[in-house]
Protein backbone atom coordinates (compact mmCIF):
# COMPACT_ATOMS: atom_id res chain seq x y z
CA UNK A 1 49.40 81.22 81.92
CA UNK A 2 49.86 82.94 85.18
CA UNK A 3 52.20 79.99 86.27
CA UNK A 4 54.03 80.59 82.82
CA UNK A 5 54.55 84.30 83.79
CA UNK A 6 55.73 83.79 87.41
CA UNK A 7 58.43 80.93 85.98
CA UNK A 8 59.74 83.43 83.31
CA UNK A 9 60.10 86.00 85.96
CA UNK A 10 61.82 83.63 88.72
CA UNK A 11 64.24 82.85 85.27
CA UNK A 12 65.36 86.37 84.82
CA UNK A 13 65.71 88.02 88.34
CA UNK A 14 66.97 84.87 90.18
CA UNK A 15 70.59 84.10 90.53
CA UNK A 16 72.16 81.36 88.47
CA UNK A 17 72.56 78.10 90.19
CA UNK A 18 75.18 75.61 90.11
CA UNK A 19 78.34 77.71 89.83
CA UNK A 20 79.93 77.80 93.04
CA UNK A 21 82.38 80.39 92.10
CA UNK A 22 79.77 82.92 91.65
CA UNK A 23 79.55 85.55 93.54
CA UNK A 24 83.43 86.57 93.61
CA UNK A 25 85.66 89.35 93.76
CA UNK A 26 89.06 90.47 93.00
CA UNK A 27 91.21 93.14 94.07
CA UNK A 28 94.62 94.42 93.20
CA UNK A 29 97.27 94.70 95.84
CA UNK A 30 96.47 93.60 99.79
CA UNK A 31 93.57 95.88 100.36
CA UNK A 32 91.54 93.53 102.46
CA UNK A 33 88.94 96.27 104.14
CA UNK A 34 88.44 96.88 100.47
CA UNK A 35 87.69 93.42 99.38
CA UNK A 36 85.69 92.75 102.68
CA UNK A 37 83.08 95.70 101.78
CA UNK A 38 82.82 94.64 98.28
CA UNK A 39 82.20 90.82 99.52
CA UNK A 40 79.35 92.17 102.12
CA UNK A 41 77.39 93.66 98.86
CA UNK A 42 78.04 90.48 96.97
CA UNK A 43 77.04 87.86 100.01
CA UNK A 44 73.97 89.87 100.41
CA UNK A 45 72.46 89.53 96.95
CA UNK A 46 74.20 93.17 95.73
CA UNK A 47 75.04 94.01 92.34
CA UNK A 48 78.57 93.60 91.00
CA UNK A 49 78.71 97.56 90.63
CA UNK A 50 77.39 98.19 94.26
CA UNK A 51 80.29 95.99 95.18
CA UNK A 52 82.99 97.73 93.40
CA UNK A 53 81.92 101.36 94.49
CA UNK A 54 81.71 100.52 98.16
CA UNK A 55 85.03 98.55 97.95
CA UNK A 56 86.92 101.36 96.38
CA UNK A 57 84.98 103.99 98.42
CA UNK A 58 86.49 102.34 101.75
CA UNK A 59 89.82 102.31 100.18
CA UNK A 60 89.28 106.30 99.20
CA UNK A 61 88.25 106.92 102.96
CA UNK A 62 91.07 105.12 104.20
CA UNK A 63 93.50 106.36 102.17
CA UNK A 64 94.60 103.17 101.19
CA UNK A 65 98.55 103.37 101.37
CA UNK A 66 98.54 106.62 100.71
CA UNK A 67 98.21 106.04 96.54
CA UNK A 68 93.99 106.01 96.90
CA UNK A 69 91.88 108.72 97.95
CA UNK A 70 92.50 111.86 99.28
CA UNK A 71 95.41 113.39 101.01
CA UNK A 72 98.32 111.71 98.84
CA UNK A 73 100.08 111.80 95.87
CA UNK A 74 100.13 115.75 95.04
CA UNK A 75 101.08 117.12 91.90
CA UNK A 76 103.79 119.43 91.24
CA UNK A 77 101.71 122.41 92.84
CA UNK A 78 100.77 120.49 95.93
CA UNK A 79 97.50 119.40 94.84
CA UNK A 80 95.68 115.87 95.55
CA UNK A 81 93.43 115.03 92.43
CA UNK A 82 91.59 112.02 91.64
CA UNK A 83 90.72 109.63 89.08
CA UNK A 84 88.10 106.70 89.12
CA UNK A 85 86.32 104.19 86.82
CA UNK A 86 83.34 102.14 86.93
CA UNK A 87 82.31 99.48 84.09
CA UNK A 88 79.10 97.59 83.40
CA UNK A 89 79.78 94.29 81.99
CA UNK A 90 76.05 93.97 81.21
CA UNK A 91 75.35 96.83 79.24
CA UNK A 92 79.16 97.98 78.52
CA UNK A 93 78.22 101.34 80.01
CA UNK A 94 81.33 103.57 81.64
CA UNK A 95 81.43 106.00 84.55
CA UNK A 96 84.66 107.45 84.72
CA UNK A 97 86.24 110.96 86.35
CA UNK A 98 89.88 112.30 85.82
CA UNK A 99 91.92 114.59 87.60
CA UNK A 100 88.75 115.26 90.02
CA UNK A 101 89.31 118.14 92.03
CA UNK A 102 87.88 118.91 95.59
CA UNK A 103 85.49 115.99 95.45
CA UNK A 104 86.51 112.97 98.14
CA UNK A 105 84.27 110.23 96.82
CA UNK A 106 85.58 110.00 93.26
CA UNK A 107 84.07 106.56 92.30
CA UNK A 108 80.96 107.44 93.59
CA UNK A 109 80.94 110.71 91.05
CA UNK A 110 81.76 107.91 88.39
CA UNK A 111 78.74 106.01 89.46
CA UNK A 112 76.58 109.23 88.71
CA UNK A 113 78.11 109.83 85.08
CA UNK A 114 77.33 106.12 84.50
CA UNK A 115 73.99 106.52 85.52
CA UNK A 116 72.98 110.19 85.06
CA UNK A 117 74.76 111.00 81.73
CA UNK A 118 75.15 109.98 78.32
CA UNK A 119 78.79 110.14 78.68
CA UNK A 120 81.77 107.93 79.76
CA UNK A 121 84.36 110.32 81.28
CA UNK A 122 84.32 113.81 82.52
CA UNK A 123 87.93 115.64 83.87
CA UNK A 124 88.72 118.53 85.62
CA UNK A 125 87.19 121.51 87.29
CA UNK A 126 83.93 120.54 85.17
CA UNK A 127 83.83 117.26 86.42
CA UNK A 128 83.80 118.86 89.88
CA UNK A 129 80.97 121.39 88.57
CA UNK A 130 78.84 118.16 87.84
CA UNK A 131 79.73 116.37 91.29
CA UNK A 132 78.35 119.42 92.97
CA UNK A 133 75.33 119.53 90.76
CA UNK A 134 74.76 115.87 91.85
CA UNK A 135 75.09 116.88 95.57
CA UNK A 136 78.43 115.75 96.29
CA UNK A 137 80.45 118.55 98.62
CA UNK A 138 83.61 120.34 97.88
CA UNK A 139 86.25 119.44 100.33
CA UNK A 140 89.93 120.04 100.48
CA UNK A 141 91.48 116.97 99.56
CA UNK A 142 95.37 117.99 100.99
CA UNK A 143 96.65 116.47 104.33
CA UNK A 144 99.42 117.41 106.31
CA UNK A 145 101.30 114.27 105.01
CA UNK A 146 100.49 115.33 101.17
CA UNK A 147 101.76 118.93 102.06
CA UNK A 148 105.08 117.76 103.81
CA UNK A 149 105.89 115.68 100.85
CA UNK A 150 105.27 118.28 98.39
CA UNK A 151 107.37 120.54 100.75
CA UNK A 152 110.26 118.31 100.55
CA UNK A 153 109.93 117.36 97.01
CA UNK A 154 109.79 121.21 96.11
CA UNK A 155 112.33 122.54 98.84
CA UNK A 156 114.75 119.83 99.45
CA UNK A 157 114.75 117.65 96.56
CA UNK A 158 114.65 120.48 93.83
CA UNK A 159 111.61 118.89 92.41
CA UNK A 160 113.16 115.47 91.90
CA UNK A 161 111.64 113.36 90.53
CA UNK A 162 109.42 114.86 87.77
CA UNK A 163 107.53 114.01 84.52
CA UNK A 164 109.07 116.80 82.28
CA UNK A 165 111.50 116.38 79.23
CA UNK A 166 112.76 118.42 76.68
CA UNK A 167 112.52 121.86 78.57
CA UNK A 168 114.42 124.38 79.74
CA UNK A 169 115.97 124.68 82.63
CA UNK A 170 117.28 121.18 82.86
CA UNK A 171 114.02 119.26 84.52
CA UNK A 172 116.90 116.84 85.94
CA UNK A 173 118.69 119.64 87.80
CA UNK A 174 116.23 122.37 88.57
CA UNK A 175 112.22 123.20 89.39
CA UNK A 176 110.27 125.04 86.69
CA UNK A 177 108.36 126.93 85.31
CA UNK A 178 109.98 125.47 82.13
CA UNK A 179 109.68 126.67 78.77
CA UNK A 180 110.17 124.06 75.34
CA UNK A 181 113.65 123.29 74.27
CA UNK A 182 113.24 123.28 70.83
CA UNK A 183 116.62 121.19 69.95
CA UNK A 184 115.72 118.53 72.46
CA UNK A 185 118.85 118.92 74.53
CA UNK A 186 117.70 117.41 77.24
CA UNK A 187 115.59 114.78 75.84
CA UNK A 188 116.18 111.06 77.69
CA UNK A 189 114.83 107.79 77.34
CA UNK A 190 111.89 106.46 79.41
CA UNK A 191 112.83 105.73 83.02
CA UNK A 192 110.40 103.25 84.84
CA UNK A 193 108.24 104.97 87.70
CA UNK A 194 109.13 102.92 90.87
CA UNK A 195 105.90 100.78 91.86
CA UNK A 196 105.50 98.75 94.92
CA UNK A 197 103.08 98.70 97.56
CA UNK A 198 103.44 102.56 98.55
CA UNK A 199 103.43 103.99 95.00
CA UNK A 200 101.00 101.82 92.59
CA UNK A 201 98.85 104.42 91.35
CA UNK A 202 95.49 102.12 91.85
CA UNK A 203 93.17 99.98 93.34
CA UNK A 204 91.54 97.81 90.60
CA UNK A 205 88.81 95.43 91.23
CA UNK A 206 86.75 93.10 89.41
CA UNK A 207 83.44 91.25 90.53
CA UNK A 208 80.71 88.85 89.65
CA UNK A 209 77.52 89.07 91.34
CA UNK A 210 74.72 86.36 91.99
CA UNK A 211 73.12 87.24 88.65
CA UNK A 212 76.26 86.58 86.63
CA UNK A 213 76.77 90.29 86.12
CA UNK A 214 80.66 91.26 85.63
CA UNK A 215 81.97 94.70 86.71
CA UNK A 216 85.12 96.10 87.00
CA UNK A 217 86.58 99.28 88.67
CA UNK A 218 89.41 101.71 89.75
CA UNK A 219 90.07 104.29 91.99
CA UNK A 220 93.43 106.24 92.59
CA UNK A 221 94.90 109.63 93.42
CA UNK A 222 97.57 109.26 90.94
CA UNK A 223 101.51 109.63 90.52
CA UNK A 224 103.31 111.81 92.74
CA UNK A 225 104.43 115.12 91.51
CA UNK A 226 102.43 114.69 88.16
CA UNK A 227 102.00 117.60 85.81
CA UNK A 228 98.64 119.00 87.11
CA UNK A 229 96.09 117.66 84.40
CA UNK A 230 97.62 114.52 83.96
CA UNK A 231 95.09 111.36 83.73
CA UNK A 232 96.79 107.84 84.06
CA UNK A 233 95.45 104.92 83.04
CA UNK A 234 92.95 104.29 85.61
CA UNK A 235 89.93 106.39 84.49
CA UNK A 236 90.61 104.74 80.83
CA UNK A 237 87.92 101.84 80.06
CA UNK A 238 89.99 99.05 78.44
CA UNK A 239 93.49 100.39 80.44
CA UNK A 240 92.56 100.72 83.99
CA UNK A 241 89.74 98.16 84.03
CA UNK A 242 87.52 96.21 81.56
CA UNK A 243 84.29 94.43 81.82
CA UNK A 244 81.97 91.87 79.38
CA UNK A 245 79.29 89.82 81.01
CA UNK A 246 80.26 87.25 77.99
CA UNK A 247 83.81 86.77 79.05
CA UNK A 248 84.77 88.05 82.51
CA UNK A 249 86.78 91.40 83.28
CA UNK A 250 90.24 92.74 84.25
CA UNK A 251 91.88 95.58 86.14
CA UNK A 252 95.50 97.02 85.71
CA UNK A 253 97.84 98.97 88.50
CA UNK A 254 101.18 100.31 87.94
CA UNK A 255 102.84 102.96 86.02
CA UNK A 256 99.79 104.14 84.25
CA UNK A 257 101.57 106.50 81.74
CA UNK A 258 103.04 103.56 80.26
CA UNK A 259 100.18 101.32 80.55
CA UNK A 260 97.13 103.19 79.10
CA UNK A 261 99.15 102.73 75.54
CA UNK A 262 98.32 99.35 75.76
CA UNK A 263 94.97 99.13 76.97
CA UNK A 264 96.24 96.02 78.83
CA UNK A 265 92.67 95.32 80.67
CA UNK A 266 90.98 94.85 77.37
CA UNK A 267 93.65 92.95 76.05
CA UNK A 268 93.31 90.41 78.64
CA UNK A 269 89.50 90.27 78.49
CA UNK A 270 90.23 89.47 74.66
CA UNK A 271 92.62 86.55 75.06
CA UNK A 272 90.21 85.14 77.89
CA UNK A 273 87.64 85.43 75.15
CA UNK A 274 89.57 83.55 72.50
CA UNK A 275 90.30 80.55 75.58
CA UNK A 276 93.38 81.79 77.30
CA UNK A 277 93.05 81.25 81.13
CA UNK A 278 92.93 83.91 83.45
CA UNK A 279 96.80 83.98 84.48
CA UNK A 280 98.03 83.60 80.71
CA UNK A 281 95.51 86.36 79.67
CA UNK A 282 97.11 88.70 82.24
CA UNK A 283 100.45 87.53 80.75
CA UNK A 284 99.72 88.43 77.59
CA UNK A 285 98.81 91.80 78.39
CA UNK A 286 101.81 92.52 80.57
CA UNK A 287 104.25 91.02 77.84
CA UNK A 288 102.64 93.06 75.39
CA UNK A 289 104.00 96.20 77.24
CA UNK A 290 107.34 94.69 78.56
CA UNK A 291 108.13 94.06 74.71
CA UNK A 292 108.27 97.85 74.22
CA UNK A 293 109.13 99.16 77.82
CA UNK A 294 111.23 96.03 79.55
CA UNK A 295 111.65 98.36 82.27
CA UNK A 296 107.90 99.10 83.14
CA UNK A 297 106.22 98.35 86.18
CA UNK A 298 102.86 96.97 86.67
CA UNK A 299 100.35 94.16 86.93
CA UNK A 300 97.25 92.96 85.70
CA UNK A 301 94.52 90.56 87.29
CA UNK A 302 91.75 88.84 85.01
CA UNK A 303 88.47 87.13 85.87
CA UNK A 304 86.44 84.69 84.03
CA UNK A 305 82.98 84.68 84.02
CA UNK A 306 82.49 81.69 85.72
CA UNK A 307 85.07 83.08 88.67
CA UNK A 308 88.26 81.56 87.33
CA UNK A 309 91.03 84.10 88.43
CA UNK A 310 94.82 84.92 87.70
CA UNK A 311 97.27 87.51 87.60
CA UNK A 312 100.78 88.62 86.05
CA UNK A 313 103.29 91.38 86.49
CA UNK A 314 106.51 92.69 85.74
CA UNK A 315 109.18 94.97 86.90
CA UNK A 316 108.60 94.23 90.73
CA UNK A 317 109.52 91.26 92.59
CA UNK A 318 106.26 90.07 93.78
CA UNK A 319 102.58 91.09 93.47
CA UNK A 320 99.81 90.01 95.87
CA UNK A 321 95.79 90.29 94.84
CA UNK A 322 92.97 89.27 97.00
CA UNK A 323 90.10 87.04 96.22
CA UNK A 324 86.58 86.31 98.08
CA UNK A 325 84.20 84.07 97.05
CA UNK A 326 81.80 81.20 98.66
CA UNK A 327 84.71 78.67 98.34
CA UNK A 328 86.30 80.81 101.23
CA UNK A 329 85.61 81.25 104.89
CA UNK A 330 87.53 84.64 104.45
CA UNK A 331 89.31 86.55 101.92
CA UNK A 332 92.50 84.64 100.73
CA UNK A 333 95.82 87.22 99.74
CA UNK A 334 97.56 85.33 96.38
CA UNK A 335 100.93 86.23 95.84
CA UNK A 336 102.89 85.78 92.55
CA UNK A 337 106.10 86.42 91.16
CA UNK A 338 106.74 88.87 88.60
CA UNK A 339 108.96 88.89 85.37
CA UNK A 340 111.56 91.12 85.12
């Protein structure tokens, strides 16, 4: 009986043998330090959630291209706020924060939402209050660069670009404050947000650990000069990222205001559930958006539960993502061509 008990314990707590593709981590863009940090957790037997938290925290601290972490992407009041998400594919639990103010480590606050509340998403000033209760310190998230960026936008560029429409004075010519324009005189069609390696809104990470547990996560400081209170796709489960142990995971990056309307990460995972390979699944998710918004810019990465990966993108020339697993001595940057 004792031998049987030991066998059962070993069966349920030991890594699954025989799959050379696991553990694995896949990250959006070319944030190699984040990938290396996540992989260091995985190769030493850590969990996929820990790996994603580590990778995203590194990107936040290093202010990856100014689009992740403090000191970048000021809103139209000049303040930097943060969004982050973690999803556990084993339990389907989610922890996320949106429009988080004055707390640097957004992804770790998201982890606390996941582990210390029955909620999935906390936002704004009260998310900050929660973080302080959990032991995080309040800090100024602005930097010299973000303050100068905002001053140039406000004083020299006359608040251009911005995210207002159907208001007066004409937001394409003047700064606010604005009032609603009842006759929609200044209404105009959607204009794509410019997305490239310096303005892509998100790091997305998908990981599988030695125990075949899938997790996905994101971190971002959002769109430059957004209207205060705006939340993009990053902290929304199924949009910014999604994970399911029975299938795999996905993460998205790009024009968050458009992408969150289509839940591309969820769609990619569901396509893989139906048998699609990761690249095909990502392409279905991207094309669904492009059918309605042909000028949108963004990308999706996808990872199956057995470590197959792929990506698709639209509206930009190319899109890089990074993979690290036991089959590679170091991380590999894979660059794909995008649809236009």
